[in-house]
């Protein structure tokens, strides 16, 4: 690789880690949004607002 093996494989490793972590972060974000919506709906119901 002409002396660039560390750069090439390091870049490949960083990209692989990013691709592996992305679905986990998306799942967490979705869970957080759903929890937030549930809390908001619960607060609205406690205040007597209809949903």
PDB file of N, CA and C in Angstrom:
ATOM      1  N   UNK A   1       0.824  -1.198   0.000  1.00  0.00           N
ATOM      2  CA  UNK A   1       0.000   0.000   0.000  1.00  0.00           C
ATOM      3  C   UNK A   1       0.862   1.252   0.000  1.00  0.00           C
ATOM      4  N   UNK A   2       2.081   1.089  -0.303  1.00  0.00           N
ATOM      5  CA  UNK A   2       2.951   2.236  -0.467  1.00  0.00           C
ATOM      6  C   UNK A   2       3.179   3.033   0.809  1.00  0.00           C
ATOM      7  N   UNK A   3       3.154   2.387   1.957  1.00  0.00           N
ATOM      8  CA  UNK A   3       3.396   3.089   3.215  1.00  0.00           C
ATOM      9  C   UNK A   3       2.148   3.737   3.825  1.00  0.00           C
ATOM     10  N   UNK A   4       1.033   3.534   3.190  1.00  0.00           N
ATOM     11  CA  UNK A   4      -0.209   4.144   3.685  1.00  0.00           C
ATOM     12  C   UNK A   4      -1.129   3.130   4.352  1.00  0.00           C
ATOM     13  N   UNK A   5      -0.640   1.966   4.669  1.00  0.00           N
ATOM     14  CA  UNK A   5      -1.481   0.911   5.239  1.00  0.00           C
ATOM     15  C   UNK A   5      -2.126   1.353   6.548  1.00  0.00           C
ATOM     16  N   UNK A   6      -1.368   2.012   7.399  1.00  0.00           N
ATOM     17  CA  UNK A   6      -1.926   2.449   8.680  1.00  0.00           C
ATOM     18  C   UNK A   6      -3.098   3.412   8.460  1.00  0.00           C
ATOM     19  N   UNK A   7      -2.929   4.347   7.546  1.00  0.00           N
ATOM     20  CA  UNK A   7      -3.983   5.309   7.240  1.00  0.00           C
ATOM     21  C   UNK A   7      -5.199   4.608   6.635  1.00  0.00           C
ATOM     22  N   UNK A   8      -4.962   3.712   5.688  1.00  0.00           N
ATOM     23  CA  UNK A   8      -6.065   3.016   5.015  1.00  0.00           C
ATOM     24  C   UNK A   8      -6.832   2.140   5.992  1.00  0.00           C
ATOM     25  N   UNK A   9      -6.137   1.292   6.730  1.00  0.00           N
ATOM     26  CA  UNK A   9      -6.817   0.384   7.642  1.00  0.00           C
ATOM     27  C   UNK A   9      -7.391   1.123   8.848  1.00  0.00           C
ATOM     28  N   UNK A  10      -6.730   2.178   9.259  1.00  0.00           N
ATOM     29  CA  UNK A  10      -7.292   2.992  10.341  1.00  0.00           C
ATOM     30  C   UNK A  10      -8.591   3.657   9.925  1.00  0.00           C
ATOM     31  N   UNK A  11      -8.619   4.175   8.709  1.00  0.00           N
ATOM     32  CA  UNK A  11      -9.845   4.789   8.180  1.00  0.00           C
ATOM     33  C   UNK A  11     -10.942   3.745   8.037  1.00  0.00           C
ATOM     34  N   UNK A  12     -10.580   2.574   7.557  1.00  0.00           N
ATOM     35  CA  UNK A  12     -11.543   1.490   7.429  1.00  0.00           C
ATOM     36  C   UNK A  12     -12.107   1.113   8.797  1.00  0.00           C
ATOM     37  N   UNK A  13     -11.257   1.029   9.802  1.00  0.00           N
ATOM     38  CA  UNK A  13     -11.702   0.685  11.152  1.00  0.00           C
ATOM     39  C   UNK A  13     -12.635   1.733  11.735  1.00  0.00           C
ATOM     40  N   UNK A  14     -12.301   3.009  11.562  1.00  0.00           N
ATOM     41  CA  UNK A  14     -13.151   4.082  12.073  1.00  0.00           C
ATOM     42  C   UNK A  14     -14.519   4.042  11.397  1.00  0.00           C
ATOM     43  N   UNK A  15     -14.527   3.823  10.085  1.00  0.00           N
ATOM     44  CA  UNK A  15     -15.795   3.743   9.354  1.00  0.00           C
ATOM     45  C   UNK A  15     -16.618   2.545   9.817  1.00  0.00           C
ATOM     46  N   UNK A  16     -15.973   1.410  10.039  1.00  0.00           N
ATOM     47  CA  UNK A  16     -16.682   0.212  10.498  1.00  0.00           C
ATOM     48  C   UNK A  16     -17.291   0.436  11.878  1.00  0.00           C
ATOM     49  N   UNK A  17     -16.543   1.088  12.765  1.00  0.00           N
ATOM     50  CA  UNK A  17     -17.065   1.376  14.102  1.00  0.00           C
ATOM     51  C   UNK A  17     -18.252   2.329  14.014  1.00  0.00           C
ATOM     52  N   UNK A  18     -18.144   3.345  13.178  1.00  0.00           N
ATOM     53  CA  UNK A  18     -19.244   4.301  13.016  1.00  0.00           C
ATOM     54  C   UNK A  18     -20.489   3.605  12.479  1.00  0.00           C
ATOM     55  N   UNK A  19     -20.322   2.724  11.515  1.00  0.00           N
ATOM     56  CA  UNK A  19     -21.464   2.001  10.959  1.00  0.00           C
ATOM     57  C   UNK A  19     -22.065   1.024  11.963  1.00  0.00           C
ATOM     58  N   UNK A  20     -21.258   0.497  12.856  1.00  0.00           N
ATOM     59  CA  UNK A  20     -21.762  -0.424  13.874  1.00  0.00           C
ATOM     60  C   UNK A  20     -22.521   0.330  14.973  1.00  0.00           C
ATOM     61  N   UNK A  21     -22.075   1.534  15.310  1.00  0.00           N
ATOM     62  CA  UNK A  21     -22.676   2.297  16.399  1.00  0.00           C
ATOM     63  C   UNK A  21     -23.952   3.012  15.962  1.00  0.00           C
ATOM     64  N   UNK A  22     -24.047   3.393  14.702  1.00  0.00           N
ATOM     65  CA  UNK A  22     -25.186   4.183  14.218  1.00  0.00           C
ATOM     66  C   UNK A  22     -26.545   3.553  14.522  1.00  0.00           C
ATOM     67  N   UNK A  23     -26.775   2.268  14.256  1.00  0.00           N
ATOM     68  CA  UNK A  23     -28.090   1.689  14.588  1.00  0.00           C
ATOM     69  C   UNK A  23     -28.404   1.737  16.080  1.00  0.00           C
ATOM     70  N   UNK A  24     -27.379   1.605  16.903  1.00  0.00           N
ATOM     71  CA  UNK A  24     -27.601   1.672  18.349  1.00  0.00           C
ATOM     72  C   UNK A  24     -28.036   3.073  18.766  1.00  0.00           C
ATOM     73  N   UNK A  25     -27.395   4.085  18.205  1.00  0.00           N
ATOM     74  CA  UNK A  25     -27.759   5.460  18.527  1.00  0.00           C
ATOM     75  C   UNK A  25     -29.153   5.798  18.019  1.00  0.00           C
ATOM     76  N   UNK A  26     -29.503   5.301  16.837  1.00  0.00           N
ATOM     77  CA  UNK A  26     -30.841   5.537  16.298  1.00  0.00           C
ATOM     78  C   UNK A  26     -31.909   4.879  17.161  1.00  0.00           C
ATOM     79  N   UNK A  27     -31.648   3.683  17.634  1.00  0.00           N
ATOM     80  CA  UNK A  27     -32.602   2.989  18.508  1.00  0.00           C
ATOM     81  C   UNK A  27     -32.784   3.754  19.812  1.00  0.00           C
ATOM     82  N   UNK A  28     -31.687   4.260  20.375  1.00  0.00           N
ATOM     83  CA  UNK A  28     -31.776   5.038  21.610  1.00  0.00           C
ATOM     84  C   UNK A  28     -32.562   6.325  21.385  1.00  0.00           C
ATOM     85  N   UNK A  29     -32.307   7.003  20.275  1.00  0.00           N
ATOM     86  CA  UNK A  29     -33.016   8.245  19.968  1.00  0.00           C
ATOM     87  C   UNK A  29     -34.511   7.980  19.809  1.00  0.00           C
ATOM     88  N   UNK A  30     -34.864   6.889  19.131  1.00  0.00           N
ATOM     89  CA  UNK A  30     -36.271   6.545  18.948  1.00  0.00           C
ATOM     90  C   UNK A  30     -36.925   6.263  20.307  1.00  0.00           C
ATOM     91  N   UNK A  31     -36.232   5.535  21.162  1.00  0.00           N
ATOM     92  CA  UNK A  31     -36.751   5.229  22.486  1.00  0.00           C
ATOM     93  C   UNK A  31     -36.951   6.518  23.291  1.00  0.00           C
ATOM     94  N   UNK A  32     -36.015   7.438  23.208  1.00  0.00           N
ATOM     95  CA  UNK A  32     -36.116   8.704  23.929  1.00  0.00           C
ATOM     96  C   UNK A  32     -37.296   9.535  23.434  1.00  0.00           C
ATOM     97  N   UNK A  33     -37.517   9.555  22.123  1.00  0.00           N
ATOM     98  CA  UNK A  33     -38.638  10.317  21.569  1.00  0.00           C
ATOM     99  C   UNK A  33     -39.966   9.709  22.014  1.00  0.00           C
ATOM    100  N   UNK A  34     -40.069   8.394  21.974  1.00  0.00           N
ATOM    101  CA  UNK A  34     -41.307   7.730  22.395  1.00  0.00           C
ATOM    102  C   UNK A  34     -41.569   8.000  23.871  1.00  0.00           C
ATOM    103  N   UNK A  35     -40.547   7.922  24.700  1.00  0.00           N
ATOM    104  CA  UNK A  35     -40.714   8.228  26.131  1.00  0.00           C
ATOM    105  C   UNK A  35     -41.160   9.666  26.342  1.00  0.00           C
ATOM    106  N   UNK A  36     -40.580  10.585  25.595  1.00  0.00           N
ATOM    107  CA  UNK A  36     -40.954  11.992  25.709  1.00  0.00           C
ATOM    108  C   UNK A  36     -42.411  12.197  25.320  1.00  0.00           C
ATOM    109  N   UNK A  37     -42.847  11.567  24.246  1.00  0.00           N
ATOM    110  CA  UNK A  37     -44.243  11.692  23.827  1.00  0.00           C
ATOM    111  C   UNK A  37     -45.194  11.082  24.852  1.00  0.00           C
ATOM    112  N   UNK A  38     -44.798   9.976  25.449  1.00  0.00           N
ATOM    113  CA  UNK A  38     -45.641   9.356  26.492  1.00  0.00           C
ATOM    114  C   UNK A  38     -45.762  10.275  27.711  1.00  0.00           C
ATOM    115  N   UNK A  39     -44.642  10.879  28.120  1.00  0.00           N
ATOM    116  CA  UNK A  39     -44.684  11.802  29.261  1.00  0.00           C
ATOM    117  C   UNK A  39     -45.562  13.008  28.953  1.00  0.00           C
ATOM    118  N   UNK A  40     -45.452  13.527  27.734  1.00  0.00           N
ATOM    119  CA  UNK A  40     -46.246  14.688  27.340  1.00  0.00           C
ATOM    120  C   UNK A  40     -47.735  14.342  27.323  1.00  0.00           C
ATOM    121  N   UNK A  41     -48.068  13.181  26.790  1.00  0.00           N
ATOM    122  CA  UNK A  41     -49.471  12.759  26.755  1.00  0.00           C
ATOM    123  C   UNK A  41     -50.003  12.548  28.163  1.00  0.00           C
ATOM    124  N   UNK A  42     -49.191  11.956  29.027  1.00  0.00           N
ATOM    125  CA  UNK A  42     -49.599  11.734  30.413  1.00  0.00           C
ATOM    126  C   UNK A  42     -49.830  13.062  31.130  1.00  0.00           C
ATOM    127  N   UNK A  43     -48.950  14.023  30.912  1.00  0.00           N
ATOM    128  CA  UNK A  43     -49.104  15.342  31.541  1.00  0.00           C
ATOM    129  C   UNK A  43     -50.363  16.032  31.023  1.00  0.00           C
ATOM    130  N   UNK A  44     -50.636  15.906  29.721  1.00  0.00           N
ATOM    131  CA  UNK A  44     -51.845  16.507  29.162  1.00  0.00           C
ATOM    132  C   UNK A  44     -53.094  15.873  29.757  1.00  0.00           C
ATOM    133  N   UNK A  45     -53.077  14.561  29.938  1.00  0.00           N
ATOM    134  CA  UNK A  45     -54.235  13.874  30.499  1.00  0.00           C
ATOM    135  C   UNK A  45     -54.452  14.266  31.958  1.00  0.00           C
ATOM    136  N   UNK A  46     -53.376  14.482  32.701  1.00  0.00           N
ATOM    137  CA  UNK A  46     -53.488  14.889  34.091  1.00  0.00           C
ATOM    138  C   UNK A  46     -54.043  16.310  34.212  1.00  0.00           C
ATOM    139  N   UNK A  47     -53.799  17.134  33.210  1.00  0.00           N
ATOM    140  CA  UNK A  47     -54.297  18.500  33.221  1.00  0.00           C
ATOM    141  C   UNK A  47     -55.736  18.580  32.699  1.00  0.00           C
ATOM    142  N   UNK A  48     -56.267  17.452  32.260  1.00  0.00           N
ATOM    143  CA  UNK A  48     -57.620  17.424  31.785  1.00  0.00           C
ATOM    144  C   UNK A  48     -57.793  17.701  30.312  1.00  0.00           C
ATOM    145  N   UNK A  49     -56.712  17.776  29.600  1.00  0.00           N
ATOM    146  CA  UNK A  49     -56.795  17.985  28.160  1.00  0.00           C
ATOM    147  C   UNK A  49     -57.086  16.649  27.483  1.00  0.00           C
ATOM    148  N   UNK A  50     -57.888  16.694  26.445  1.00  0.00           N
ATOM    149  CA  UNK A  50     -58.168  15.478  25.693  1.00  0.00           C
ATOM    150  C   UNK A  50     -57.173  15.356  24.558  1.00  0.00           C
ATOM    151  N   UNK A  51     -56.793  14.122  24.285  1.00  0.00           N
ATOM    152  CA  UNK A  51     -55.820  13.869  23.224  1.00  0.00           C
ATOM    153  C   UNK A  51     -56.501  13.216  22.059  1.00  0.00           C
TER     154      UNK A  51
END
